[in-house]
């Protein structure tokens, strides 16, 4: 299964991904994205300072406005 970085506030997404067998990593610092196949952010503090530095080549999914099952489906589609 995949290694997926998930922002701390998305506990429902974390639970759904772990239930599917994915390895879930909490995204707290920039270095936490290392080795992740995909990252999920809440979108709450996206680009707060007007800067958007790229920290990973892995796909990043903005979970804002989506249910946990929608996010899981997006991940499964991207990782096929």
PDB file of N, CA and C in Angstrom:
ATOM      1  N   UNK A   1       0.837  -1.175   0.000  1.00  0.00           N
ATOM      2  CA  UNK A   1       0.000   0.000   0.000  1.00  0.00           C
ATOM      3  C   UNK A   1       0.888   1.245   0.000  1.00  0.00           C
ATOM      4  N   UNK A   2       0.259   2.399  -0.118  1.00  0.00           N
ATOM      5  CA  UNK A   2       0.979   3.655  -0.274  1.00  0.00           C
ATOM      6  C   UNK A   2       1.275   4.324   1.067  1.00  0.00           C
ATOM      7  N   UNK A   3       2.298   5.178   1.046  1.00  0.00           N
ATOM      8  CA  UNK A   3       2.633   6.025   2.195  1.00  0.00           C
ATOM      9  C   UNK A   3       2.028   7.394   1.900  1.00  0.00           C
ATOM     10  N   UNK A   4       1.100   7.837   2.739  1.00  0.00           N
ATOM     11  CA  UNK A   4       0.349   9.053   2.469  1.00  0.00           C
ATOM     12  C   UNK A   4       0.484  10.020   3.634  1.00  0.00           C
ATOM     13  N   UNK A   5       0.887  11.244   3.318  1.00  0.00           N
ATOM     14  CA  UNK A   5       0.984  12.297   4.318  1.00  0.00           C
ATOM     15  C   UNK A   5      -0.344  13.011   4.439  1.00  0.00           C
ATOM     16  N   UNK A   6      -0.814  13.169   5.679  1.00  0.00           N
ATOM     17  CA  UNK A   6      -2.116  13.793   5.910  1.00  0.00           C
ATOM     18  C   UNK A   6      -1.971  14.876   6.979  1.00  0.00           C
ATOM     19  N   UNK A   7      -2.526  16.043   6.693  1.00  0.00           N
ATOM     20  CA  UNK A   7      -2.510  17.136   7.664  1.00  0.00           C
ATOM     21  C   UNK A   7      -3.285  16.727   8.918  1.00  0.00           C
ATOM     22  N   UNK A   8      -2.819  17.150  10.071  1.00  0.00           N
ATOM     23  CA  UNK A   8      -3.345  16.711  11.362  1.00  0.00           C
ATOM     24  C   UNK A   8      -4.829  16.884  11.597  1.00  0.00           C
ATOM     25  N   UNK A   9      -5.445  17.888  11.004  1.00  0.00           N
ATOM     26  CA  UNK A   9      -6.859  18.150  11.253  1.00  0.00           C
ATOM     27  C   UNK A   9      -7.795  17.192  10.526  1.00  0.00           C
ATOM     28  N   UNK A  10      -7.262  16.365   9.650  1.00  0.00           N
ATOM     29  CA  UNK A  10      -8.091  15.486   8.819  1.00  0.00           C
ATOM     30  C   UNK A  10      -8.170  14.072   9.395  1.00  0.00           C
ATOM     31  N   UNK A  11      -8.633  13.968  10.641  1.00  0.00           N
ATOM     32  CA  UNK A  11      -8.652  12.674  11.316  1.00  0.00           C
ATOM     33  C   UNK A  11      -9.573  11.660  10.637  1.00  0.00           C
ATOM     34  N   UNK A  12     -10.675  12.114  10.047  1.00  0.00           N
ATOM     35  CA  UNK A  12     -11.574  11.182   9.354  1.00  0.00           C
ATOM     36  C   UNK A  12     -10.918  10.605   8.108  1.00  0.00           C
ATOM     37  N   UNK A  13     -10.131  11.420   7.421  1.00  0.00           N
ATOM     38  CA  UNK A  13      -9.399  10.948   6.235  1.00  0.00           C
ATOM     39  C   UNK A  13      -8.322   9.960   6.654  1.00  0.00           C
ATOM     40  N   UNK A  14      -7.594  10.280   7.728  1.00  0.00           N
ATOM     41  CA  UNK A  14      -6.559   9.370   8.243  1.00  0.00           C
ATOM     42  C   UNK A  14      -7.151   8.007   8.559  1.00  0.00           C
ATOM     43  N   UNK A  15      -8.278   7.995   9.271  1.00  0.00           N
ATOM     44  CA  UNK A  15      -8.911   6.737   9.660  1.00  0.00           C
ATOM     45  C   UNK A  15      -9.334   5.928   8.442  1.00  0.00           C
ATOM     46  N   UNK A  16      -9.906   6.585   7.442  1.00  0.00           N
ATOM     47  CA  UNK A  16     -10.344   5.883   6.232  1.00  0.00           C
ATOM     48  C   UNK A  16      -9.164   5.289   5.471  1.00  0.00           C
ATOM     49  N   UNK A  17      -8.055   6.018   5.420  1.00  0.00           N
ATOM     50  CA  UNK A  17      -6.870   5.523   4.706  1.00  0.00           C
ATOM     51  C   UNK A  17      -6.225   4.352   5.443  1.00  0.00           C
ATOM     52  N   UNK A  18      -6.142   4.450   6.763  1.00  0.00           N
ATOM     53  CA  UNK A  18      -5.565   3.349   7.546  1.00  0.00           C
ATOM     54  C   UNK A  18      -6.434   2.101   7.444  1.00  0.00           C
ATOM     55  N   UNK A  19      -7.725   2.297   7.388  1.00  0.00           N
ATOM     56  CA  UNK A  19      -8.655   1.175   7.250  1.00  0.00           C
ATOM     57  C   UNK A  19      -8.425   0.436   5.931  1.00  0.00           C
ATOM     58  N   UNK A  20      -7.988   1.169   4.911  1.00  0.00           N
ATOM     59  CA  UNK A  20      -7.718   0.569   3.610  1.00  0.00           C
ATOM     60  C   UNK A  20      -6.313  -0.039   3.544  1.00  0.00           C
ATOM     61  N   UNK A  21      -5.520   0.142   4.604  1.00  0.00           N
ATOM     62  CA  UNK A  21      -4.194  -0.458   4.652  1.00  0.00           C
ATOM     63  C   UNK A  21      -3.046   0.456   4.275  1.00  0.00           C
ATOM     64  N   UNK A  22      -3.325   1.732   4.032  1.00  0.00           N
ATOM     65  CA  UNK A  22      -2.265   2.680   3.684  1.00  0.00           C
ATOM     66  C   UNK A  22      -1.479   3.075   4.934  1.00  0.00           C
ATOM     67  N   UNK A  23      -0.211   3.393   4.738  1.00  0.00           N
ATOM     68  CA  UNK A  23       0.613   3.944   5.820  1.00  0.00           C
ATOM     69  C   UNK A  23       0.357   5.441   5.862  1.00  0.00           C
ATOM     70  N   UNK A  24      -0.077   5.950   6.998  1.00  0.00           N
ATOM     71  CA  UNK A  24      -0.422   7.360   7.122  1.00  0.00           C
ATOM     72  C   UNK A  24       0.623   8.075   7.975  1.00  0.00           C
ATOM     73  N   UNK A  25       1.122   9.214   7.456  1.00  0.00           N
ATOM     74  CA  UNK A  25       2.125  10.024   8.135  1.00  0.00           C
ATOM     75  C   UNK A  25       1.511  11.382   8.427  1.00  0.00           C
ATOM     76  N   UNK A  26       1.670  11.876   9.661  1.00  0.00           N
ATOM     77  CA  UNK A  26       1.198  13.222  10.007  1.00  0.00           C
ATOM     78  C   UNK A  26       2.101  14.258   9.362  1.00  0.00           C
ATOM     79  N   UNK A  27       1.507  15.240   8.697  1.00  0.00           N
ATOM     80  CA  UNK A  27       2.274  16.327   8.090  1.00  0.00           C
ATOM     81  C   UNK A  27       2.350  17.480   9.075  1.00  0.00           C
ATOM     82  N   UNK A  28       3.497  17.594   9.725  1.00  0.00           N
ATOM     83  CA  UNK A  28       3.703  18.677  10.692  1.00  0.00           C
ATOM     84  C   UNK A  28       4.776  19.644  10.207  1.00  0.00           C
ATOM     85  N   UNK A  29       5.812  19.090   9.570  1.00  0.00           N
ATOM     86  CA  UNK A  29       6.903  19.918   9.059  1.00  0.00           C
ATOM     87  C   UNK A  29       7.141  19.588   7.592  1.00  0.00           C
ATOM     88  N   UNK A  30       7.905  20.418   6.948  1.00  0.00           N
ATOM     89  CA  UNK A  30       8.197  20.234   5.527  1.00  0.00           C
ATOM     90  C   UNK A  30       8.874  18.902   5.252  1.00  0.00           C
ATOM     91  N   UNK A  31       9.702  18.433   6.158  1.00  0.00           N
ATOM     92  CA  UNK A  31      10.423  17.178   5.942  1.00  0.00           C
ATOM     93  C   UNK A  31       9.524  15.947   6.054  1.00  0.00           C
ATOM     94  N   UNK A  32       8.330  16.097   6.607  1.00  0.00           N
ATOM     95  CA  UNK A  32       7.414  14.963   6.748  1.00  0.00           C
ATOM     96  C   UNK A  32       6.930  14.430   5.405  1.00  0.00           C
ATOM     97  N   UNK A  33       7.034  15.228   4.346  1.00  0.00           N
ATOM     98  CA  UNK A  33       6.560  14.780   3.028  1.00  0.00           C
ATOM     99  C   UNK A  33       7.536  13.817   2.357  1.00  0.00           C
ATOM    100  N   UNK A  34       8.755  13.735   2.880  1.00  0.00           N
ATOM    101  CA  UNK A  34       9.760  12.859   2.281  1.00  0.00           C
ATOM    102  C   UNK A  34       9.291  11.412   2.262  1.00  0.00           C
ATOM    103  N   UNK A  35       9.322  10.796   1.093  1.00  0.00           N
ATOM    104  CA  UNK A  35       8.945   9.395   0.959  1.00  0.00           C
ATOM    105  C   UNK A  35       7.451   9.162   0.815  1.00  0.00           C
ATOM    106  N   UNK A  36       6.660  10.220   0.817  1.00  0.00           N
ATOM    107  CA  UNK A  36       5.207  10.059   0.666  1.00  0.00           C
ATOM    108  C   UNK A  36       4.842   9.904  -0.812  1.00  0.00           C
ATOM    109  N   UNK A  37       3.895   9.021  -1.080  1.00  0.00           N
ATOM    110  CA  UNK A  37       3.396   8.822  -2.438  1.00  0.00           C
ATOM    111  C   UNK A  37       2.334   9.852  -2.790  1.00  0.00           C
ATOM    112  N   UNK A  38       1.728  10.450  -1.779  1.00  0.00           N
ATOM    113  CA  UNK A  38       0.667  11.430  -1.959  1.00  0.00           C
ATOM    114  C   UNK A  38       0.523  12.206  -0.652  1.00  0.00           C
ATOM    115  N   UNK A  39       0.088  13.468  -0.751  1.00  0.00           N
ATOM    116  CA  UNK A  39      -0.128  14.279   0.444  1.00  0.00           C
ATOM    117  C   UNK A  39      -1.523  14.892   0.394  1.00  0.00           C
ATOM    118  N   UNK A  40      -2.142  15.005   1.562  1.00  0.00           N
ATOM    119  CA  UNK A  40      -3.481  15.572   1.656  1.00  0.00           C
ATOM    120  C   UNK A  40      -3.438  16.732   2.634  1.00  0.00           C
ATOM    121  N   UNK A  41      -3.890  17.892   2.162  1.00  0.00           N
ATOM    122  CA  UNK A  41      -3.918  19.087   3.000  1.00  0.00           C
ATOM    123  C   UNK A  41      -5.364  19.519   3.216  1.00  0.00           C
ATOM    124  N   UNK A  42      -5.593  20.251   4.295  1.00  0.00           N
ATOM    125  CA  UNK A  42      -6.957  20.697   4.596  1.00  0.00           C
ATOM    126  C   UNK A  42      -7.353  21.906   3.758  1.00  0.00           C
ATOM    127  N   UNK A  43      -6.378  22.659   3.291  1.00  0.00           N
ATOM    128  CA  UNK A  43      -6.658  23.860   2.515  1.00  0.00           C
ATOM    129  C   UNK A  43      -6.901  25.077   3.385  1.00  0.00           C
ATOM    130  N   UNK A  44      -6.950  24.884   4.693  1.00  0.00           N
ATOM    131  CA  UNK A  44      -7.240  25.988   5.613  1.00  0.00           C
ATOM    132  C   UNK A  44      -6.146  27.057   5.617  1.00  0.00           C
ATOM    133  N   UNK A  45      -4.889  26.645   5.594  1.00  0.00           N
ATOM    134  CA  UNK A  45      -3.802  27.623   5.649  1.00  0.00           C
ATOM    135  C   UNK A  45      -2.971  27.616   4.372  1.00  0.00           C
ATOM    136  N   UNK A  46      -3.595  27.250   3.279  1.00  0.00           N
ATOM    137  CA  UNK A  46      -2.924  27.178   1.990  1.00  0.00           C
ATOM    138  C   UNK A  46      -2.441  28.561   1.560  1.00  0.00           C
ATOM    139  N   UNK A  47      -1.156  28.683   1.303  1.00  0.00           N
ATOM    140  CA  UNK A  47      -0.567  29.890   0.735  1.00  0.00           C
ATOM    141  C   UNK A  47      -0.862  31.135   1.567  1.00  0.00           C
ATOM    142  N   UNK A  48      -0.781  31.017   2.888  1.00  0.00           N
ATOM    143  CA  UNK A  48      -1.114  32.118   3.785  1.00  0.00           C
ATOM    144  C   UNK A  48      -0.246  33.351   3.537  1.00  0.00           C
ATOM    145  N   UNK A  49       1.033  33.142   3.308  1.00  0.00           N
ATOM    146  CA  UNK A  49       1.938  34.276   3.159  1.00  0.00           C
ATOM    147  C   UNK A  49       2.184  34.659   1.706  1.00  0.00           C
ATOM    148  N   UNK A  50       1.435  34.079   0.786  1.00  0.00           N
ATOM    149  CA  UNK A  50       1.626  34.408  -0.619  1.00  0.00           C
ATOM    150  C   UNK A  50       2.796  33.679  -1.243  1.00  0.00           C
ATOM    151  N   UNK A  51       3.309  32.659  -0.568  1.00  0.00           N
ATOM    152  CA  UNK A  51       4.428  31.879  -1.082  1.00  0.00           C
ATOM    153  C   UNK A  51       3.976  30.444  -1.281  1.00  0.00           C
ATOM    154  N   UNK A  52       4.500  29.804  -2.313  1.00  0.00           N
ATOM    155  CA  UNK A  52       4.131  28.416  -2.581  1.00  0.00           C
ATOM    156  C   UNK A  52       5.385  27.644  -2.987  1.00  0.00           C
ATOM    157  N   UNK A  53       6.184  27.288  -2.006  1.00  0.00           N
ATOM    158  CA  UNK A  53       7.394  26.515  -2.278  1.00  0.00           C
ATOM    159  C   UNK A  53       7.030  25.055  -2.443  1.00  0.00           C
ATOM    160  N   UNK A  54       7.611  24.411  -3.447  1.00  0.00           N
ATOM    161  CA  UNK A  54       7.345  23.006  -3.699  1.00  0.00           C
ATOM    162  C   UNK A  54       8.277  22.166  -2.836  1.00  0.00           C
ATOM    163  N   UNK A  55       7.686  21.273  -2.036  1.00  0.00           N
ATOM    164  CA  UNK A  55       8.473  20.431  -1.144  1.00  0.00           C
ATOM    165  C   UNK A  55       8.478  18.975  -1.581  1.00  0.00           C
ATOM    166  N   UNK A  56       7.620  18.628  -2.538  1.00  0.00           N
ATOM    167  CA  UNK A  56       7.516  17.238  -2.965  1.00  0.00           C
ATOM    168  C   UNK A  56       7.058  17.160  -4.407  1.00  0.00           C
ATOM    169  N   UNK A  57       7.412  16.077  -5.051  1.00  0.00           N
ATOM    170  CA  UNK A  57       6.932  15.809  -6.407  1.00  0.00           C
ATOM    171  C   UNK A  57       5.662  14.968  -6.369  1.00  0.00           C
ATOM    172  N   UNK A  58       5.302  14.477  -5.191  1.00  0.00           N
ATOM    173  CA  UNK A  58       4.105  13.642  -5.033  1.00  0.00           C
ATOM    174  C   UNK A  58       2.852  14.492  -5.233  1.00  0.00           C
ATOM    175  N   UNK A  59       1.764  13.874  -5.691  1.00  0.00           N
ATOM    176  CA  UNK A  59       0.511  14.616  -5.830  1.00  0.00           C
ATOM    177  C   UNK A  59       0.032  15.157  -4.483  1.00  0.00           C
ATOM    178  N   UNK A  60      -0.518  16.362  -4.499  1.00  0.00           N
ATOM    179  CA  UNK A  60      -1.068  16.984  -3.299  1.00  0.00           C
ATOM    180  C   UNK A  60      -2.559  17.199  -3.535  1.00  0.00           C
ATOM    181  N   UNK A  61      -3.378  16.703  -2.629  1.00  0.00           N
ATOM    182  CA  UNK A  61      -4.827  16.824  -2.750  1.00  0.00           C
ATOM    183  C   UNK A  61      -5.326  17.781  -1.678  1.00  0.00           C
ATOM    184  N   UNK A  62      -6.079  18.783  -2.096  1.00  0.00           N
ATOM    185  CA  UNK A  62      -6.705  19.719  -1.174  1.00  0.00           C
ATOM    186  C   UNK A  62      -8.056  19.137  -0.777  1.00  0.00           C
ATOM    187  N   UNK A  63      -8.218  18.788   0.484  1.00  0.00           N
ATOM    188  CA  UNK A  63      -9.414  18.093   0.964  1.00  0.00           C
ATOM    189  C   UNK A  63     -10.590  19.016   1.255  1.00  0.00           C
ATOM    190  N   UNK A  64     -10.381  20.310   1.135  1.00  0.00           N
ATOM    191  CA  UNK A  64     -11.435  21.258   1.489  1.00  0.00           C
ATOM    192  C   UNK A  64     -12.686  21.012   0.635  1.00  0.00           C
ATOM    193  N   UNK A  65     -13.812  20.773   1.319  1.00  0.00           N
ATOM    194  CA  UNK A  65     -15.084  20.575   0.639  1.00  0.00           C
ATOM    195  C   UNK A  65     -15.386  19.143   0.241  1.00  0.00           C
ATOM    196  N   UNK A  66     -14.498  18.203   0.558  1.00  0.00           N
ATOM    197  CA  UNK A  66     -14.695  16.803   0.194  1.00  0.00           C
ATOM    198  C   UNK A  66     -14.898  15.935   1.428  1.00  0.00           C
ATOM    199  N   UNK A  67     -15.680  14.886   1.277  1.00  0.00           N
ATOM    200  CA  UNK A  67     -15.849  13.885   2.334  1.00  0.00           C
ATOM    201  C   UNK A  67     -14.647  12.947   2.318  1.00  0.00           C
ATOM    202  N   UNK A  68     -14.414  12.257   3.423  1.00  0.00           N
ATOM    203  CA  UNK A  68     -13.271  11.338   3.538  1.00  0.00           C
ATOM    204  C   UNK A  68     -13.283  10.294   2.429  1.00  0.00           C
ATOM    205  N   UNK A  69     -14.446   9.730   2.116  1.00  0.00           N
ATOM    206  CA  UNK A  69     -14.520   8.699   1.072  1.00  0.00           C
ATOM    207  C   UNK A  69     -14.185   9.259  -0.305  1.00  0.00           C
ATOM    208  N   UNK A  70     -14.505  10.540  -0.554  1.00  0.00           N
ATOM    209  CA  UNK A  70     -14.139  11.182  -1.820  1.00  0.00           C
ATOM    210  C   UNK A  70     -12.620  11.280  -1.938  1.00  0.00           C
ATOM    211  N   UNK A  71     -11.969  11.636  -0.834  1.00  0.00           N
ATOM    212  CA  UNK A  71     -10.510  11.752  -0.815  1.00  0.00           C
ATOM    213  C   UNK A  71      -9.872  10.386  -1.067  1.00  0.00           C
ATOM    214  N   UNK A  72     -10.382   9.353  -0.414  1.00  0.00           N
ATOM    215  CA  UNK A  72      -9.855   8.006  -0.598  1.00  0.00           C
ATOM    216  C   UNK A  72      -9.978   7.588  -2.067  1.00  0.00           C
ATOM    217  N   UNK A  73     -11.096   7.894  -2.678  1.00  0.00           N
ATOM    218  CA  UNK A  73     -11.294   7.564  -4.081  1.00  0.00           C
ATOM    219  C   UNK A  73     -10.307   8.296  -4.972  1.00  0.00           C
ATOM    220  N   UNK A  74     -10.066   9.579  -4.696  1.00  0.00           N
ATOM    221  CA  UNK A  74      -9.087  10.355  -5.467  1.00  0.00           C
ATOM    222  C   UNK A  74      -7.698   9.750  -5.361  1.00  0.00           C
ATOM    223  N   UNK A  75      -7.326   9.334  -4.153  1.00  0.00           N
ATOM    224  CA  UNK A  75      -6.016   8.735  -3.934  1.00  0.00           C
ATOM    225  C   UNK A  75      -5.890   7.434  -4.717  1.00  0.00           C
ATOM    226  N   UNK A  76      -6.890   6.593  -4.624  1.00  0.00           N
ATOM    227  CA  UNK A  76      -6.852   5.316  -5.340  1.00  0.00           C
ATOM    228  C   UNK A  76      -6.723   5.524  -6.844  1.00  0.00           C
ATOM    229  N   UNK A  77      -7.402   6.528  -7.392  1.00  0.00           N
ATOM    230  CA  UNK A  77      -7.304   6.829  -8.819  1.00  0.00           C
ATOM    231  C   UNK A  77      -5.906   7.321  -9.197  1.00  0.00           C
ATOM    232  N   UNK A  78      -5.326   8.171  -8.372  1.00  0.00           N
ATOM    233  CA  UNK A  78      -4.000   8.739  -8.687  1.00  0.00           C
ATOM    234  C   UNK A  78      -2.870   7.735  -8.523  1.00  0.00           C
ATOM    235  N   UNK A  79      -3.046   6.773  -7.645  1.00  0.00           N
ATOM    236  CA  UNK A  79      -1.967   5.827  -7.372  1.00  0.00           C
ATOM    237  C   UNK A  79      -2.026   4.552  -8.214  1.00  0.00           C
ATOM    238  N   UNK A  80      -2.995   4.476  -9.119  1.00  0.00           N
ATOM    239  CA  UNK A  80      -3.099   3.269  -9.961  1.00  0.00           C
ATOM    240  C   UNK A  80      -2.038   3.259 -11.023  1.00  0.00           C
TER     241      UNK A  80
END
